[in-house]
Structures are given as C-alpha cells and as structure tokens.
Amino acid sequence: MFLLNTTFLGCVYQLNITYLNIALMFLSYTLLFYFLYDISFKTALFHSLLFLIVMFATEIITSIIGVAFFDDFNALEKNISAYVFVTVISKLLYFSIMKVILKFYVTYLKARQTSPVPPPPDATETPSSRVAG
C-alpha cells in the first residue's frame, strides 16, 4: 500500500502542479495513517499536517543552504553534486526535526505519568472512614 502511494504521488509530481501535489500528499498521508495505524481520523489529520509542515520547513532551510553553498538557486538542475548535497541535507534535517519532536513528546508523556496530583479518593470510602483509618 505504501509503495502504491509513493508511485501515485511520484506520477502526480511529474504534472508539476504544486497545489495538487500538496493536497494529494496530505490526503494520502491522512489515509495511510488512518488505515495502517488504527488511529482516529482527527489524529491522522494532525500527524499528516505535522509531517507536511516539517517537510516544508526542511525544504526551505535546505534551499537556503543550497543557495549559500552553490551561489545559484537552480544549481540542482545543473550540477549533480548540488542535487545530491541538497537531497541528503534535506533528509537529514527532516529526520532530525522529527526525532526532536518525538523526544519532546516522550518527555511530555513521562511528565504526565508521574504527575504530583494525587489520585481521587475511592468512591466507596466515606469521609469518616478516612479520618478513623
């Protein structure tokens, strides 16, 4: 299913219609998350949006780095080493940002589990039995 999705998005990319590509990426990521990971549709939408935002941010950062190193915005089309450099940097940035987000989320979950708030009293317990005990 993932291979089919990637093939479909690759074919749509060749049409060179950016808005259609973004919309179909968002839709396909949402459907993949929803059906493959057994999560709610709302959660699938959130994660798809998160993936696309991080992808967009890393592409912008990588473009800035590529222009700084190669002094040409279109260096990707002219120079194979520029293309490889920008591709590798983009993927490394994407992976790094996703790992940082995961680290913060795990830290947040651990903080919630060891919350200093005491559990609620037992429903069968009466105020007089708590004082006597």
N, C-alpha and C. Protein backbone atom coordinates (compact mmCIF):
# COMPACT_ATOMS: atom_id res chain seq x y z
N MET A 1 0.83 -1.19 0.00
CA MET A 1 0.00 0.00 0.00
C MET A 1 0.88 1.26 0.00
N PHE A 2 1.97 1.23 0.79
CA PHE A 2 2.86 2.38 0.82
C PHE A 2 3.55 2.58 -0.52
N LEU A 3 3.95 1.49 -1.15
CA LEU A 3 4.59 1.58 -2.47
C LEU A 3 3.63 2.14 -3.51
N LEU A 4 2.39 1.72 -3.44
CA LEU A 4 1.37 2.24 -4.36
C LEU A 4 1.18 3.75 -4.14
N ASN A 5 1.15 4.16 -2.88
CA ASN A 5 1.01 5.58 -2.56
C ASN A 5 2.19 6.39 -3.10
N THR A 6 3.40 5.89 -2.90
CA THR A 6 4.59 6.59 -3.37
C THR A 6 4.61 6.67 -4.89
N THR A 7 4.23 5.62 -5.56
CA THR A 7 4.18 5.61 -7.02
C THR A 7 3.16 6.62 -7.53
N PHE A 8 1.99 6.63 -6.90
CA PHE A 8 0.94 7.57 -7.29
C PHE A 8 1.41 9.01 -7.10
N LEU A 9 1.99 9.31 -5.94
CA LEU A 9 2.46 10.68 -5.69
C LEU A 9 3.60 11.06 -6.62
N GLY A 10 4.45 10.10 -6.99
CA GLY A 10 5.52 10.37 -7.95
C GLY A 10 4.97 10.74 -9.32
N CYS A 11 3.91 10.06 -9.73
CA CYS A 11 3.28 10.37 -11.02
C CYS A 11 2.62 11.75 -10.99
N VAL A 12 1.96 12.08 -9.88
CA VAL A 12 1.33 13.40 -9.75
C VAL A 12 2.39 14.49 -9.73
N TYR A 13 3.53 14.22 -9.11
CA TYR A 13 4.63 15.20 -9.06
C TYR A 13 5.09 15.57 -10.47
N GLN A 14 5.07 14.61 -11.38
CA GLN A 14 5.52 14.86 -12.75
C GLN A 14 4.61 15.84 -13.48
N LEU A 15 3.38 16.03 -13.00
CA LEU A 15 2.48 17.00 -13.61
C LEU A 15 2.92 18.43 -13.32
N ASN A 16 3.75 18.61 -12.29
CA ASN A 16 4.31 19.91 -11.91
C ASN A 16 3.21 20.91 -11.50
N ILE A 17 2.19 20.42 -10.81
CA ILE A 17 1.14 21.27 -10.25
C ILE A 17 1.29 21.20 -8.73
N THR A 18 1.90 22.22 -8.16
CA THR A 18 2.30 22.20 -6.75
C THR A 18 1.10 22.03 -5.81
N TYR A 19 0.04 22.78 -6.03
CA TYR A 19 -1.11 22.72 -5.12
C TYR A 19 -1.77 21.35 -5.14
N LEU A 20 -1.87 20.76 -6.30
CA LEU A 20 -2.43 19.42 -6.41
C LEU A 20 -1.53 18.41 -5.70
N ASN A 21 -0.23 18.56 -5.85
CA ASN A 21 0.73 17.67 -5.20
C ASN A 21 0.60 17.76 -3.67
N ILE A 22 0.52 18.96 -3.13
CA ILE A 22 0.41 19.15 -1.68
C ILE A 22 -0.91 18.57 -1.16
N ALA A 23 -2.00 18.85 -1.86
CA ALA A 23 -3.31 18.35 -1.42
C ALA A 23 -3.36 16.82 -1.44
N LEU A 24 -2.82 16.22 -2.49
CA LEU A 24 -2.84 14.76 -2.57
C LEU A 24 -1.87 14.12 -1.59
N MET A 25 -0.75 14.79 -1.29
CA MET A 25 0.15 14.27 -0.26
C MET A 25 -0.56 14.28 1.09
N PHE A 26 -1.23 15.37 1.41
CA PHE A 26 -1.94 15.48 2.67
C PHE A 26 -3.03 14.40 2.76
N LEU A 27 -3.79 14.24 1.69
CA LEU A 27 -4.85 13.23 1.67
C LEU A 27 -4.30 11.82 1.79
N SER A 28 -3.24 11.53 1.05
CA SER A 28 -2.69 10.17 1.09
C SER A 28 -2.04 9.87 2.43
N TYR A 29 -1.32 10.84 3.02
CA TYR A 29 -0.75 10.62 4.35
C TYR A 29 -1.84 10.39 5.37
N THR A 30 -2.89 11.17 5.29
CA THR A 30 -4.01 11.01 6.24
C THR A 30 -4.62 9.62 6.12
N LEU A 31 -4.87 9.18 4.91
CA LEU A 31 -5.47 7.86 4.71
C LEU A 31 -4.53 6.75 5.15
N LEU A 32 -3.24 6.88 4.85
CA LEU A 32 -2.28 5.87 5.29
C LEU A 32 -2.23 5.78 6.82
N PHE A 33 -2.14 6.92 7.48
CA PHE A 33 -2.12 6.91 8.95
C PHE A 33 -3.41 6.32 9.52
N TYR A 34 -4.53 6.72 8.93
CA TYR A 34 -5.83 6.27 9.45
C TYR A 34 -6.00 4.76 9.31
N PHE A 35 -5.66 4.22 8.16
CA PHE A 35 -5.91 2.80 7.92
C PHE A 35 -4.78 1.88 8.43
N LEU A 36 -3.54 2.34 8.37
CA LEU A 36 -2.44 1.46 8.75
C LEU A 36 -2.13 1.47 10.24
N TYR A 37 -2.43 2.57 10.92
CA TYR A 37 -2.05 2.68 12.33
C TYR A 37 -3.23 2.64 13.28
N ASP A 38 -4.43 2.44 12.77
CA ASP A 38 -5.62 2.29 13.61
C ASP A 38 -5.75 3.44 14.61
N ILE A 39 -5.74 4.67 14.10
CA ILE A 39 -5.91 5.86 14.92
C ILE A 39 -7.16 6.60 14.46
N SER A 40 -7.59 7.56 15.23
CA SER A 40 -8.78 8.33 14.85
C SER A 40 -8.45 9.20 13.64
N PHE A 41 -9.49 9.60 12.93
CA PHE A 41 -9.29 10.43 11.75
C PHE A 41 -8.70 11.78 12.13
N LYS A 42 -9.11 12.31 13.26
CA LYS A 42 -8.59 13.59 13.75
C LYS A 42 -7.08 13.49 14.02
N THR A 43 -6.65 12.41 14.63
CA THR A 43 -5.23 12.20 14.90
C THR A 43 -4.47 12.02 13.59
N ALA A 44 -5.04 11.32 12.64
CA ALA A 44 -4.40 11.14 11.33
C ALA A 44 -4.23 12.49 10.62
N LEU A 45 -5.24 13.35 10.71
CA LEU A 45 -5.13 14.68 10.12
C LEU A 45 -4.00 15.48 10.78
N PHE A 46 -3.93 15.41 12.11
CA PHE A 46 -2.89 16.14 12.83
C PHE A 46 -1.50 15.68 12.42
N HIS A 47 -1.29 14.38 12.37
CA HIS A 47 0.03 13.86 12.02
C HIS A 47 0.39 14.14 10.56
N SER A 48 -0.58 14.10 9.68
CA SER A 48 -0.32 14.44 8.28
C SER A 48 0.10 15.90 8.16
N LEU A 49 -0.60 16.76 8.89
CA LEU A 49 -0.26 18.17 8.87
C LEU A 49 1.13 18.40 9.46
N LEU A 50 1.43 17.72 10.54
CA LEU A 50 2.75 17.83 11.16
C LEU A 50 3.85 17.39 10.19
N PHE A 51 3.65 16.27 9.51
CA PHE A 51 4.64 15.78 8.54
C PHE A 51 4.84 16.79 7.42
N LEU A 52 3.76 17.37 6.90
CA LEU A 52 3.88 18.30 5.80
C LEU A 52 4.55 19.61 6.24
N ILE A 53 4.25 20.08 7.44
CA ILE A 53 4.88 21.30 7.94
C ILE A 53 6.38 21.10 8.11
N VAL A 54 6.76 19.98 8.70
CA VAL A 54 8.19 19.70 8.88
C VAL A 54 8.87 19.53 7.52
N MET A 55 8.21 18.87 6.59
CA MET A 55 8.77 18.69 5.25
C MET A 55 8.97 20.04 4.56
N PHE A 56 7.98 20.90 4.66
CA PHE A 56 8.06 22.23 4.05
C PHE A 56 9.20 23.03 4.67
N ALA A 57 9.30 23.00 6.00
CA ALA A 57 10.35 23.75 6.69
C ALA A 57 11.74 23.26 6.30
N THR A 58 11.92 21.94 6.23
CA THR A 58 13.23 21.42 5.86
C THR A 58 13.58 21.75 4.41
N GLU A 59 12.60 21.76 3.54
CA GLU A 59 12.86 22.13 2.14
C GLU A 59 13.29 23.59 2.03
N ILE A 60 12.66 24.47 2.79
CA ILE A 60 13.03 25.88 2.77
C ILE A 60 14.45 26.07 3.32
N ILE A 61 14.73 25.44 4.45
CA ILE A 61 16.07 25.54 5.05
C ILE A 61 17.12 24.99 4.10
N THR A 62 16.82 23.86 3.47
CA THR A 62 17.76 23.25 2.54
C THR A 62 17.98 24.13 1.31
N SER A 63 16.94 24.77 0.84
CA SER A 63 17.11 25.67 -0.30
C SER A 63 18.02 26.84 0.05
N ILE A 64 17.85 27.37 1.25
CA ILE A 64 18.71 28.47 1.69
C ILE A 64 20.16 28.01 1.80
N ILE A 65 20.37 26.83 2.37
CA ILE A 65 21.73 26.28 2.48
C ILE A 65 22.32 26.02 1.09
N GLY A 66 21.51 25.47 0.19
CA GLY A 66 21.98 25.19 -1.17
C GLY A 66 22.40 26.44 -1.91
N VAL A 67 21.61 27.52 -1.76
CA VAL A 67 21.96 28.78 -2.41
C VAL A 67 23.23 29.35 -1.81
N ALA A 68 23.41 29.20 -0.50
CA ALA A 68 24.61 29.72 0.15
C ALA A 68 25.87 28.97 -0.32
N PHE A 69 25.76 27.67 -0.53
CA PHE A 69 26.93 26.88 -0.94
C PHE A 69 27.21 26.97 -2.43
N PHE A 70 26.17 27.01 -3.25
CA PHE A 70 26.38 26.91 -4.69
C PHE A 70 26.11 28.22 -5.45
N ASP A 71 25.75 29.28 -4.76
CA ASP A 71 25.54 30.61 -5.34
C ASP A 71 24.57 30.62 -6.53
N ASP A 72 23.69 29.67 -6.57
CA ASP A 72 22.73 29.62 -7.67
C ASP A 72 21.51 28.85 -7.20
N PHE A 73 20.34 29.45 -7.33
CA PHE A 73 19.12 28.77 -6.90
C PHE A 73 18.80 27.56 -7.75
N ASN A 74 19.17 27.60 -9.01
CA ASN A 74 18.89 26.49 -9.92
C ASN A 74 20.07 25.54 -10.06
N ALA A 75 20.94 25.52 -9.08
CA ALA A 75 22.11 24.62 -9.13
C ALA A 75 21.70 23.15 -9.15
N LEU A 76 20.54 22.84 -8.60
CA LEU A 76 20.07 21.45 -8.59
C LEU A 76 19.88 20.91 -10.00
N GLU A 77 19.47 21.76 -10.90
CA GLU A 77 19.21 21.33 -12.27
C GLU A 77 20.49 21.21 -13.10
N LYS A 78 21.55 21.89 -12.66
CA LYS A 78 22.78 21.95 -13.46
C LYS A 78 23.89 21.05 -12.93
N ASN A 79 23.88 20.79 -11.62
CA ASN A 79 25.03 20.14 -11.00
C ASN A 79 24.55 18.95 -10.18
N ILE A 80 25.02 17.76 -10.51
CA ILE A 80 24.58 16.55 -9.80
C ILE A 80 25.07 16.55 -8.36
N SER A 81 26.24 17.10 -8.10
CA SER A 81 26.74 17.15 -6.72
C SER A 81 25.89 18.08 -5.86
N ALA A 82 25.39 19.16 -6.44
CA ALA A 82 24.48 20.05 -5.72
C ALA A 82 23.18 19.32 -5.41
N TYR A 83 22.69 18.56 -6.36
CA TYR A 83 21.45 17.81 -6.16
C TYR A 83 21.60 16.79 -5.03
N VAL A 84 22.69 16.04 -5.04
CA VAL A 84 22.93 15.04 -4.00
C VAL A 84 23.11 15.72 -2.65
N PHE A 85 23.87 16.80 -2.61
CA PHE A 85 24.10 17.53 -1.36
C PHE A 85 22.78 18.01 -0.76
N VAL A 86 21.97 18.66 -1.56
CA VAL A 86 20.70 19.21 -1.07
C VAL A 86 19.75 18.09 -0.66
N THR A 87 19.73 17.00 -1.40
CA THR A 87 18.86 15.88 -1.06
C THR A 87 19.25 15.26 0.28
N VAL A 88 20.53 15.02 0.47
CA VAL A 88 21.00 14.41 1.72
C VAL A 88 20.75 15.34 2.90
N ILE A 89 21.06 16.62 2.74
CA ILE A 89 20.83 17.59 3.82
C ILE A 89 19.35 17.68 4.16
N SER A 90 18.51 17.67 3.16
CA SER A 90 17.06 17.75 3.38
C SER A 90 16.55 16.56 4.19
N LYS A 91 16.98 15.38 3.82
CA LYS A 91 16.53 14.18 4.54
C LYS A 91 17.07 14.14 5.97
N LEU A 92 18.33 14.55 6.14
CA LEU A 92 18.91 14.58 7.49
C LEU A 92 18.20 15.60 8.38
N LEU A 93 17.89 16.76 7.84
CA LEU A 93 17.15 17.76 8.61
C LEU A 93 15.76 17.26 8.98
N TYR A 94 15.08 16.65 8.02
CA TYR A 94 13.74 16.12 8.27
C TYR A 94 13.78 15.07 9.39
N PHE A 95 14.71 14.15 9.29
CA PHE A 95 14.84 13.10 10.30
C PHE A 95 15.18 13.71 11.66
N SER A 96 16.09 14.66 11.69
CA SER A 96 16.50 15.28 12.95
C SER A 96 15.35 16.02 13.62
N ILE A 97 14.60 16.79 12.84
CA ILE A 97 13.48 17.53 13.41
C ILE A 97 12.41 16.57 13.93
N MET A 98 12.14 15.51 13.19
CA MET A 98 11.14 14.55 13.66
C MET A 98 11.61 13.85 14.94
N LYS A 99 12.90 13.57 15.06
CA LYS A 99 13.44 12.96 16.29
C LYS A 99 13.33 13.93 17.47
N VAL A 100 13.57 15.21 17.24
CA VAL A 100 13.44 16.20 18.31
C VAL A 100 11.98 16.30 18.77
N ILE A 101 11.06 16.33 17.82
CA ILE A 101 9.64 16.36 18.17
C ILE A 101 9.26 15.12 18.97
N LEU A 102 9.74 13.96 18.55
CA LEU A 102 9.46 12.72 19.27
C LEU A 102 10.04 12.77 20.68
N LYS A 103 11.24 13.29 20.83
CA LYS A 103 11.88 13.39 22.14
C LYS A 103 11.06 14.29 23.08
N PHE A 104 10.62 15.43 22.58
CA PHE A 104 9.79 16.32 23.39
C PHE A 104 8.46 15.66 23.76
N TYR A 105 7.88 14.93 22.83
CA TYR A 105 6.60 14.27 23.10
C TYR A 105 6.75 13.18 24.15
N VAL A 106 7.81 12.40 24.06
CA VAL A 106 8.05 11.34 25.06
C VAL A 106 8.30 11.97 26.43
N THR A 107 9.04 13.06 26.48
CA THR A 107 9.28 13.76 27.75
C THR A 107 7.96 14.27 28.32
N TYR A 108 7.11 14.79 27.46
CA TYR A 108 5.80 15.28 27.89
C TYR A 108 4.95 14.14 28.45
N LEU A 109 4.96 13.00 27.79
CA LEU A 109 4.18 11.85 28.27
C LEU A 109 4.69 11.34 29.61
N LYS A 110 6.00 11.29 29.76
CA LYS A 110 6.57 10.84 31.04
C LYS A 110 6.23 11.80 32.16
N ALA A 111 6.22 13.09 31.89
CA ALA A 111 5.86 14.08 32.90
C ALA A 111 4.40 13.94 33.30
N ARG A 112 3.55 13.59 32.37
CA ARG A 112 2.13 13.40 32.69
C ARG A 112 1.91 12.15 33.52
N GLN A 113 2.70 11.10 33.30
CA GLN A 113 2.54 9.86 34.04
C GLN A 113 2.99 9.99 35.47
N THR A 114 3.99 10.78 35.76
CA THR A 114 4.49 10.96 37.12
C THR A 114 3.99 12.28 37.69
N SER A 115 2.76 12.57 37.45
CA SER A 115 2.16 13.82 37.91
C SER A 115 2.06 13.83 39.44
N PRO A 116 2.37 14.98 40.08
CA PRO A 116 2.29 15.05 41.54
C PRO A 116 0.86 15.13 42.07
N VAL A 117 -0.12 15.18 41.20
CA VAL A 117 -1.52 15.25 41.63
C VAL A 117 -1.92 13.88 42.18
N PRO A 118 -2.45 13.82 43.42
CA PRO A 118 -2.84 12.53 43.97
C PRO A 118 -4.07 11.98 43.27
N PRO A 119 -4.22 10.67 43.27
CA PRO A 119 -5.40 10.08 42.63
C PRO A 119 -6.65 10.44 43.43
N PRO A 120 -7.81 10.40 42.81
CA PRO A 120 -9.05 10.72 43.53
C PRO A 120 -9.35 9.64 44.58
N PRO A 121 -10.04 10.02 45.65
CA PRO A 121 -10.36 9.03 46.69
C PRO A 121 -11.30 7.96 46.15
N ASP A 122 -11.25 6.82 46.78
CA ASP A 122 -12.10 5.70 46.39
C ASP A 122 -13.55 6.07 46.60
N ALA A 123 -14.42 5.71 45.68
CA ALA A 123 -15.84 6.08 45.75
C ALA A 123 -16.55 5.38 46.92
N THR A 124 -16.06 4.22 47.34
CA THR A 124 -16.70 3.51 48.44
C THR A 124 -16.25 4.02 49.80
N GLU A 125 -15.23 4.83 49.79
CA GLU A 125 -14.68 5.35 51.03
C GLU A 125 -15.49 6.56 51.49
N THR A 126 -15.84 6.63 52.75
CA THR A 126 -16.58 7.77 53.30
C THR A 126 -15.60 8.66 54.04
N PRO A 127 -15.94 9.94 54.22
CA PRO A 127 -15.03 10.84 54.92
C PRO A 127 -14.72 10.37 56.35
N SER A 128 -15.71 9.76 57.03
CA SER A 128 -15.45 9.31 58.41
C SER A 128 -14.50 8.13 58.46
N SER A 129 -14.53 7.25 57.44
CA SER A 129 -13.62 6.10 57.45
C SER A 129 -12.19 6.55 57.16
N ARG A 130 -12.01 7.64 56.39
CA ARG A 130 -10.67 8.16 56.11
C ARG A 130 -10.06 8.76 57.38
N VAL A 131 -10.87 9.42 58.17
CA VAL A 131 -10.37 10.04 59.40
C VAL A 131 -10.04 8.99 60.43
N ALA A 132 -10.90 7.96 60.54
CA ALA A 132 -10.69 6.91 61.54
C ALA A 132 -9.50 6.06 61.21
N GLY A 133 -9.21 5.84 59.92
CA GLY A 133 -8.16 4.92 59.50
C GLY A 133 -6.87 5.55 59.54
